[in-house]
């Protein structure tokens, strides 16, 4: 759960709060979800979209995106691959790795030496561990001599993904 900072909470008016409460468990699975939210709140769809856009611009909402359940889609081998790459190349290498179609997200993290030398993380999804490891090998080939060591941390259970939460 992502908590709102106090300064962000003070930026919300009652309509903003009602929109967040109406959408925090996901947008309605309808052809026009913003219209469904608008009907529920007795405001226009344009106002819902304008307010969501403003909250996004103000940093109150980080993003609006689909959150797939990878297991239900058949991706049962989900591994966070972690890489030790030269710091001076991590940004460029991260862009290349993140562009691979089987990497859902890729980002830089600080090293925690001497126990944790990895500074680049890339989430890989596959139907089996063997398939996931083949994809990790593909990343290793892409990184070439910049791969100074890597590992894969496979998911053992699904953690519920949630965003911002307000209580009514």
Foldseek 3Di string as FASTA:
>chain_A
DDEDDPVLVVVDDPVNVLLCQQAQVHFDPDPLRLCVSCVVVVHHSVVSVVSVVVCCVVVVDVDHDDDDDLVVVLFQWKKKKFFQFDPVCQVVLQVVLQPDPQWPDKDFDDADPDVGRTGIITMGTDNDVVVRVVVVVVSCVVCDPRGPDMDIDTDPDDDDDGDYDDDD
